Each structure stands twice: as structure tokens, then as C-alpha cells.
């Protein structure tokens, strides 16, 4: 149940967000850096990122302002860390990856995520919790890109559990949970998929 509470919290954050932003080469003492910005760590795990080993940290900012947080991340970055900011209205979320994997390697499509027409930009897979994360670029408009990704999940045996029209779509397949979030980008559409393969400790 702990995992599902947390994954639904993550889904709510995604549902409030309007877009995502990458900040490259953010940093060595990333935990201290994010904590000093007002973040609270909710998750940490070893990960394989773009085919290389690294560590994934997830921080929430319960009273944070996404605009100011984005400026702080971009203006004063430490090094060798990549952060993905989800600028949720209620509580911005930052996914940070540390180690050489953060800035090296080639984006690979995680085996746990069904393929759809898009180009992987960033991927991560945790070993401890069977979590897979993908951000990909799609040439289609957001609605069509969402349909492509959702269809791939349906064909893989997932059933949608989110209400119609939800900005963050939630899918389930046995103990597995999938989140799908789509946002417009200057060069097309960004599609983010997160899949937790099983139950257990998150």
C-alpha cells in the first residue's frame, strides 16, 4: 500500500504540471543543493541511466514555486547531475540522476516500457524497485502522441485506471502500474512514461 500511496501522489503531481524542463550537468552535492532549495527526499535508488550505472533521487518541494525553482536549478548548478523538473502547481517534483550516467551514455528504450513512435531522450531503470522511466520526443501533436503511447500500453495488457480526459493517465496490469504524461515542446511533443513492475517496497 505504501507504494501505491506514493505512486498516486506522483500521479497527482504530474496531473497538475503543465510542462517539464531538463537542466543539464546539475551536480556533485546534489542532495545538499536540493535540500537547501527546500526539497524533501522521498526516494533514492541505484539506477541504470542511458545504459550506465547511476543513482536516482526524487525530491518534492511542498511549498515550492516552480518558476523560482527552475531559475535556481538553472542559475546555480553543481556538476555531473541531471535533473528533471515537473513544475506542479501544488508541489514541484525534481528527479535527479547523479554519476557519470547523468551526462554520458546513449538513451535506450527500457525493456519494461512498450514501444511507440518516438525517440528516447532519457531513460532510467532501477534495480531495487523495478521502476522504469522514459522521456521521449514524438513528432505528433500531444493528443495523438498520447494515443500512440496508450495504445502500446493497452496492447501490452494494461488497462486504464484514470478518469477520461486526465492530463496524467494511470494504467494497471496485475501488480504493475504505469503513468503516462504528455506535454508540448518546441520541436513536437514530449512523452513521459513511468512503469513500476510489481508490488512491494518503493
C-alpha atoms as a PDB file:
ATOM      1  CA  UNK A   1       0.000   0.000   0.000  1.00  0.00           C
ATOM      2  CA  UNK A   2       2.901   2.373   0.704  1.00  0.00           C
ATOM      3  CA  UNK A   3       3.998   2.151  -2.924  1.00  0.00           C
ATOM      4  CA  UNK A   4       0.523   2.873  -4.245  1.00  0.00           C
ATOM      5  CA  UNK A   5       0.124   5.897  -1.959  1.00  0.00           C
ATOM      6  CA  UNK A   6       3.407   7.259  -3.240  1.00  0.00           C
ATOM      7  CA  UNK A   7       2.771   6.430  -6.885  1.00  0.00           C
ATOM      8  CA  UNK A   8      -0.658   8.085  -6.703  1.00  0.00           C
ATOM      9  CA  UNK A   9       0.990  11.124  -5.083  1.00  0.00           C
ATOM     10  CA  UNK A  10       3.412  11.168  -8.004  1.00  0.00           C
ATOM     11  CA  UNK A  11       0.482  10.880 -10.410  1.00  0.00           C
ATOM     12  CA  UNK A  12      -1.286  13.825  -8.783  1.00  0.00           C
ATOM     13  CA  UNK A  13       1.859  15.935  -9.161  1.00  0.00           C
ATOM     14  CA  UNK A  14       2.076  15.014 -12.823  1.00  0.00           C
ATOM     15  CA  UNK A  15      -1.586  15.827 -13.331  1.00  0.00           C
ATOM     16  CA  UNK A  16      -1.038  19.390 -12.090  1.00  0.00           C
ATOM     17  CA  UNK A  17       2.026  20.003 -14.234  1.00  0.00           C
ATOM     18  CA  UNK A  18       1.912  21.926 -17.477  1.00  0.00           C
ATOM     19  CA  UNK A  19       5.329  21.029 -18.832  1.00  0.00           C
ATOM     20  CA  UNK A  20       8.690  19.504 -17.982  1.00  0.00           C
ATOM     21  CA  UNK A  21      12.142  21.041 -18.220  1.00  0.00           C
ATOM     22  CA  UNK A  22      15.591  19.499 -18.336  1.00  0.00           C
ATOM     23  CA  UNK A  23      18.589  21.107 -16.681  1.00  0.00           C
ATOM     24  CA  UNK A  24      21.907  19.569 -17.716  1.00  0.00           C
ATOM     25  CA  UNK A  25      25.014  18.968 -15.599  1.00  0.00           C
ATOM     26  CA  UNK A  26      23.484  19.773 -12.256  1.00  0.00           C
ATOM     27  CA  UNK A  27      25.642  18.385  -9.538  1.00  0.00           C
ATOM     28  CA  UNK A  28      28.052  16.810  -7.087  1.00  0.00           C
ATOM     29  CA  UNK A  29      26.434  17.594  -3.725  1.00  0.00           C
ATOM     30  CA  UNK A  30      23.007  17.410  -5.266  1.00  0.00           C
ATOM     31  CA  UNK A  31      21.262  16.255  -2.088  1.00  0.00           C
ATOM     32  CA  UNK A  32      22.517  19.262  -0.116  1.00  0.00           C
ATOM     33  CA  UNK A  33      21.761  21.508  -3.080  1.00  0.00           C
ATOM     34  CA  UNK A  34      18.139  20.342  -3.382  1.00  0.00           C
ATOM     35  CA  UNK A  35      17.602  20.339   0.393  1.00  0.00           C
ATOM     36  CA  UNK A  36      18.866  23.930   0.596  1.00  0.00           C
ATOM     37  CA  UNK A  37      16.258  24.856  -2.011  1.00  0.00           C
ATOM     38  CA  UNK A  38      13.564  23.470   0.291  1.00  0.00           C
ATOM     39  CA  UNK A  39      13.270  19.968  -1.139  1.00  0.00           C
ATOM     40  CA  UNK A  40      12.346  16.823   0.784  1.00  0.00           C
ATOM     41  CA  UNK A  41      13.721  13.486  -0.391  1.00  0.00           C
ATOM     42  CA  UNK A  42      11.044  10.858  -0.969  1.00  0.00           C
ATOM     43  CA  UNK A  43      13.022   8.216  -2.872  1.00  0.00           C
ATOM     44  CA  UNK A  44      16.555   7.102  -3.720  1.00  0.00           C
ATOM     45  CA  UNK A  45      17.776   4.046  -5.626  1.00  0.00           C
ATOM     46  CA  UNK A  46      20.627   2.792  -7.827  1.00  0.00           C
ATOM     47  CA  UNK A  47      19.630   3.085 -11.491  1.00  0.00           C
ATOM     48  CA  UNK A  48      20.814   2.259 -14.976  1.00  0.00           C
ATOM     49  CA  UNK A  49      20.613   5.502 -16.932  1.00  0.00           C
ATOM     50  CA  UNK A  50      21.065   5.522 -20.693  1.00  0.00           C
ATOM     51  CA  UNK A  51      22.831   2.178 -20.275  1.00  0.00           C
ATOM     52  CA  UNK A  52      25.211   3.327 -17.477  1.00  0.00           C
ATOM     53  CA  UNK A  53      25.131   2.999 -13.678  1.00  0.00           C
ATOM     54  CA  UNK A  54      23.966   5.933 -11.553  1.00  0.00           C
ATOM     55  CA  UNK A  55      21.679   6.927  -8.700  1.00  0.00           C
ATOM     56  CA  UNK A  56      18.150   8.315  -8.854  1.00  0.00           C
ATOM     57  CA  UNK A  57      16.910  10.791  -6.253  1.00  0.00           C
ATOM     58  CA  UNK A  58      13.336  12.090  -6.122  1.00  0.00           C
ATOM     59  CA  UNK A  59      12.674  15.315  -4.220  1.00  0.00           C
ATOM     60  CA  UNK A  60       9.377  17.073  -3.586  1.00  0.00           C
ATOM     61  CA  UNK A  61       9.017  20.779  -2.879  1.00  0.00           C
ATOM     62  CA  UNK A  62       5.780  21.036  -0.835  1.00  0.00           C
ATOM     63  CA  UNK A  63       5.839  24.834  -0.621  1.00  0.00           C
ATOM     64  CA  UNK A  64       7.952  25.480  -3.681  1.00  0.00           C
ATOM     65  CA  UNK A  65       7.316  27.770  -6.613  1.00  0.00           C
ATOM     66  CA  UNK A  66       8.125  26.054  -9.913  1.00  0.00           C
ATOM     67  CA  UNK A  67       9.256  29.253 -11.614  1.00  0.00           C
ATOM     68  CA  UNK A  68      11.721  30.214  -8.894  1.00  0.00           C
ATOM     69  CA  UNK A  69      12.867  26.614  -8.560  1.00  0.00           C
ATOM     70  CA  UNK A  70      13.590  26.434 -12.286  1.00  0.00           C
ATOM     71  CA  UNK A  71      15.661  29.608 -12.067  1.00  0.00           C
ATOM     72  CA  UNK A  72      17.639  28.268  -9.095  1.00  0.00           C
ATOM     73  CA  UNK A  73      18.334  24.958 -10.826  1.00  0.00           C
ATOM     74  CA  UNK A  74      19.490  26.679 -13.998  1.00  0.00           C
ATOM     75  CA  UNK A  75      21.453  29.548 -12.419  1.00  0.00           C
ATOM     76  CA  UNK A  76      23.490  27.775  -9.757  1.00  0.00           C
ATOM     77  CA  UNK A  77      24.009  24.177 -10.846  1.00  0.00           C
ATOM     78  CA  UNK A  78      26.519  21.805  -9.279  1.00  0.00           C
ATOM     79  CA  UNK A  79      28.056  19.328 -11.803  1.00  0.00           C
ATOM     80  CA  UNK A  80      27.579  15.752 -13.042  1.00  0.00           C
ATOM     81  CA  UNK A  81      23.900  15.557 -12.219  1.00  0.00           C
ATOM     82  CA  UNK A  82      20.866  15.743 -14.461  1.00  0.00           C
ATOM     83  CA  UNK A  83      17.567  16.952 -13.064  1.00  0.00           C
ATOM     84  CA  UNK A  84      14.080  16.686 -14.491  1.00  0.00           C
ATOM     85  CA  UNK A  85      11.676  19.252 -13.072  1.00  0.00           C
ATOM     86  CA  UNK A  86       7.941  18.636 -13.082  1.00  0.00           C
ATOM     87  CA  UNK A  87       6.560  22.101 -12.291  1.00  0.00           C
ATOM     88  CA  UNK A  88       3.427  21.005 -10.454  1.00  0.00           C
ATOM     89  CA  UNK A  89       1.243  23.783  -9.077  1.00  0.00           C
ATOM     90  CA  UNK A  90       0.814  22.184  -5.653  1.00  0.00           C
ATOM     91  CA  UNK A  91       4.299  20.765  -5.123  1.00  0.00           C
ATOM     92  CA  UNK A  92       7.056  20.767  -7.762  1.00  0.00           C
ATOM     93  CA  UNK A  93       8.912  17.485  -8.155  1.00  0.00           C
ATOM     94  CA  UNK A  94      12.566  17.019  -9.140  1.00  0.00           C
ATOM     95  CA  UNK A  95      14.035  13.729 -10.381  1.00  0.00           C
ATOM     96  CA  UNK A  96      17.829  13.921 -10.085  1.00  0.00           C
ATOM     97  CA  UNK A  97      20.326  11.426 -11.504  1.00  0.00           C
ATOM     98  CA  UNK A  98      23.911  11.520 -10.271  1.00  0.00           C
ATOM     99  CA  UNK A  99      27.148   9.960 -11.503  1.00  0.00           C
ATOM    100  CA  UNK A 100      28.681   9.645 -14.964  1.00  0.00           C
ATOM    101  CA  UNK A 101      25.423   8.186 -16.198  1.00  0.00           C
ATOM    102  CA  UNK A 102      23.859  11.631 -15.804  1.00  0.00           C
ATOM    103  CA  UNK A 103      25.820  13.165 -18.665  1.00  0.00           C
ATOM    104  CA  UNK A 104      27.103  10.190 -20.654  1.00  0.00           C
ATOM    105  CA  UNK A 105      25.673   7.220 -22.491  1.00  0.00           C
ATOM    106  CA  UNK A 106      23.099   6.822 -25.223  1.00  0.00           C
ATOM    107  CA  UNK A 107      19.359   6.963 -24.395  1.00  0.00           C
ATOM    108  CA  UNK A 108      17.910   3.453 -24.587  1.00  0.00           C
ATOM    109  CA  UNK A 109      14.311   2.295 -24.611  1.00  0.00           C
ATOM    110  CA  UNK A 110      13.661   0.427 -21.302  1.00  0.00           C
ATOM    111  CA  UNK A 111      12.604  -3.180 -21.883  1.00  0.00           C
ATOM    112  CA  UNK A 112       9.652  -2.799 -19.493  1.00  0.00           C
ATOM    113  CA  UNK A 113       8.080   0.060 -21.486  1.00  0.00           C
ATOM    114  CA  UNK A 114       6.173  -0.924 -24.654  1.00  0.00           C
ATOM    115  CA  UNK A 115       7.495   0.892 -27.729  1.00  0.00           C
ATOM    116  CA  UNK A 116       5.533   3.533 -29.646  1.00  0.00           C
ATOM    117  CA  UNK A 117       6.558   6.025 -32.377  1.00  0.00           C
ATOM    118  CA  UNK A 118       9.014   8.294 -30.517  1.00  0.00           C
ATOM    119  CA  UNK A 119      12.754   8.877 -29.999  1.00  0.00           C
ATOM    120  CA  UNK A 120      14.136   8.185 -26.493  1.00  0.00           C
ATOM    121  CA  UNK A 121      15.771  11.260 -24.937  1.00  0.00           C
ATOM    122  CA  UNK A 122      16.358   9.979 -21.427  1.00  0.00           C
ATOM    123  CA  UNK A 123      15.792   6.624 -19.756  1.00  0.00           C
ATOM    124  CA  UNK A 124      16.364   5.136 -16.321  1.00  0.00           C
ATOM    125  CA  UNK A 125      15.718   1.748 -14.721  1.00  0.00           C
ATOM    126  CA  UNK A 126      16.082   0.971 -11.025  1.00  0.00           C
ATOM    127  CA  UNK A 127      17.291  -2.438  -9.953  1.00  0.00           C
ATOM    128  CA  UNK A 128      15.854  -2.458  -6.426  1.00  0.00           C
ATOM    129  CA  UNK A 129      12.267  -1.456  -7.132  1.00  0.00           C
ATOM    130  CA  UNK A 130      11.751  -2.500 -10.761  1.00  0.00           C
ATOM    131  CA  UNK A 131      10.954   1.045 -11.820  1.00  0.00           C
ATOM    132  CA  UNK A 132      11.425   2.175 -15.449  1.00  0.00           C
ATOM    133  CA  UNK A 133      11.330   5.796 -16.626  1.00  0.00           C
ATOM    134  CA  UNK A 134      11.392   7.166 -20.178  1.00  0.00           C
ATOM    135  CA  UNK A 135      11.146  10.617 -21.700  1.00  0.00           C
ATOM    136  CA  UNK A 136      10.849  10.560 -25.484  1.00  0.00           C
ATOM    137  CA  UNK A 137      10.331  13.013 -28.347  1.00  0.00           C
ATOM    138  CA  UNK A 138       7.387  12.499 -30.679  1.00  0.00           C
ATOM    139  CA  UNK A 139       6.631  14.395 -33.886  1.00  0.00           C
ATOM    140  CA  UNK A 140       2.864  14.009 -33.391  1.00  0.00           C
ATOM    141  CA  UNK A 141       0.634  16.528 -31.614  1.00  0.00           C
ATOM    142  CA  UNK A 142       0.071  15.846 -27.871  1.00  0.00           C
ATOM    143  CA  UNK A 143      -3.322  14.118 -28.263  1.00  0.00           C
ATOM    144  CA  UNK A 144      -2.026  11.818 -30.992  1.00  0.00           C
ATOM    145  CA  UNK A 145       1.214  11.133 -29.108  1.00  0.00           C
ATOM    146  CA  UNK A 146      -0.797  10.221 -26.018  1.00  0.00           C
ATOM    147  CA  UNK A 147      -2.910   7.843 -28.098  1.00  0.00           C
ATOM    148  CA  UNK A 148       0.212   6.172 -29.535  1.00  0.00           C
ATOM    149  CA  UNK A 149       1.657   5.574 -26.066  1.00  0.00           C
ATOM    150  CA  UNK A 150      -1.673   4.496 -24.561  1.00  0.00           C
ATOM    151  CA  UNK A 151      -2.256   2.035 -27.410  1.00  0.00           C
ATOM    152  CA  UNK A 152       1.156   0.478 -26.793  1.00  0.00           C
ATOM    153  CA  UNK A 153       0.246   0.020 -23.127  1.00  0.00           C
ATOM    154  CA  UNK A 154      -3.169  -1.448 -23.998  1.00  0.00           C
ATOM    155  CA  UNK A 155      -1.587  -3.928 -26.423  1.00  0.00           C
ATOM    156  CA  UNK A 156       0.840  -4.924 -23.661  1.00  0.00           C
ATOM    157  CA  UNK A 157      -2.108  -5.849 -21.432  1.00  0.00           C
ATOM    158  CA  UNK A 158      -2.516  -2.669 -19.367  1.00  0.00           C
ATOM    159  CA  UNK A 159      -5.965  -1.271 -18.572  1.00  0.00           C
ATOM    160  CA  UNK A 160      -6.526   2.427 -17.996  1.00  0.00           C
ATOM    161  CA  UNK A 161      -7.489   3.394 -14.449  1.00  0.00           C
ATOM    162  CA  UNK A 162      -7.563   7.185 -14.804  1.00  0.00           C
ATOM    163  CA  UNK A 163     -10.710   9.245 -15.469  1.00  0.00           C
ATOM    164  CA  UNK A 164     -11.436  10.367 -19.030  1.00  0.00           C
ATOM    165  CA  UNK A 165      -9.516  13.472 -20.007  1.00  0.00           C
ATOM    166  CA  UNK A 166      -6.961  13.212 -17.197  1.00  0.00           C
ATOM    167  CA  UNK A 167      -3.708  15.019 -18.003  1.00  0.00           C
ATOM    168  CA  UNK A 168      -1.765  12.222 -16.304  1.00  0.00           C
ATOM    169  CA  UNK A 169      -3.058   8.813 -17.363  1.00  0.00           C
ATOM    170  CA  UNK A 170      -2.745   5.849 -14.993  1.00  0.00           C
ATOM    171  CA  UNK A 171      -2.705   2.218 -16.173  1.00  0.00           C
ATOM    172  CA  UNK A 172      -2.601  -1.103 -14.338  1.00  0.00           C
ATOM    173  CA  UNK A 173      -1.677  -4.668 -15.208  1.00  0.00           C
ATOM    174  CA  UNK A 174      -1.813  -7.016 -12.231  1.00  0.00           C
ATOM    175  CA  UNK A 175       0.614  -5.585  -9.651  1.00  0.00           C
ATOM    176  CA  UNK A 176       2.202  -3.270 -12.248  1.00  0.00           C
ATOM    177  CA  UNK A 177       1.330   0.422 -12.513  1.00  0.00           C
ATOM    178  CA  UNK A 178       2.083   2.770 -15.428  1.00  0.00           C
ATOM    179  CA  UNK A 179       1.900   6.559 -15.604  1.00  0.00           C
ATOM    180  CA  UNK A 180       1.700   8.433 -18.911  1.00  0.00           C
ATOM    181  CA  UNK A 181       2.251  12.184 -19.177  1.00  0.00           C
ATOM    182  CA  UNK A 182       2.408  14.190 -22.413  1.00  0.00           C
ATOM    183  CA  UNK A 183       3.417  17.824 -22.872  1.00  0.00           C
ATOM    184  CA  UNK A 184       4.015  20.076 -25.900  1.00  0.00           C
ATOM    185  CA  UNK A 185       7.584  21.029 -26.824  1.00  0.00           C
ATOM    186  CA  UNK A 186       9.124  23.476 -29.283  1.00  0.00           C
ATOM    187  CA  UNK A 187      10.074  20.620 -31.610  1.00  0.00           C
ATOM    188  CA  UNK A 188       6.998  18.416 -31.187  1.00  0.00           C
ATOM    189  CA  UNK A 189       5.772  16.563 -28.103  1.00  0.00           C
ATOM    190  CA  UNK A 190       7.435  15.106 -25.011  1.00  0.00           C
ATOM    191  CA  UNK A 191       6.063  11.790 -23.777  1.00  0.00           C
ATOM    192  CA  UNK A 192       6.969  10.557 -20.312  1.00  0.00           C
ATOM    193  CA  UNK A 193       6.182   7.007 -19.200  1.00  0.00           C
ATOM    194  CA  UNK A 194       6.908   5.536 -15.779  1.00  0.00           C
ATOM    195  CA  UNK A 195       6.252   1.875 -15.030  1.00  0.00           C
ATOM    196  CA  UNK A 196       6.529   0.091 -11.675  1.00  0.00           C
ATOM    197  CA  UNK A 197       6.554  -3.637 -12.486  1.00  0.00           C
ATOM    198  CA  UNK A 198       5.426  -5.074  -9.173  1.00  0.00           C
ATOM    199  CA  UNK A 199       4.207  -4.513  -5.667  1.00  0.00           C
ATOM    200  CA  UNK A 200       6.492  -4.228  -2.701  1.00  0.00           C
ATOM    201  CA  UNK A 201       8.669  -1.551  -1.148  1.00  0.00           C
ATOM    202  CA  UNK A 202       9.015   1.620  -3.194  1.00  0.00           C
END
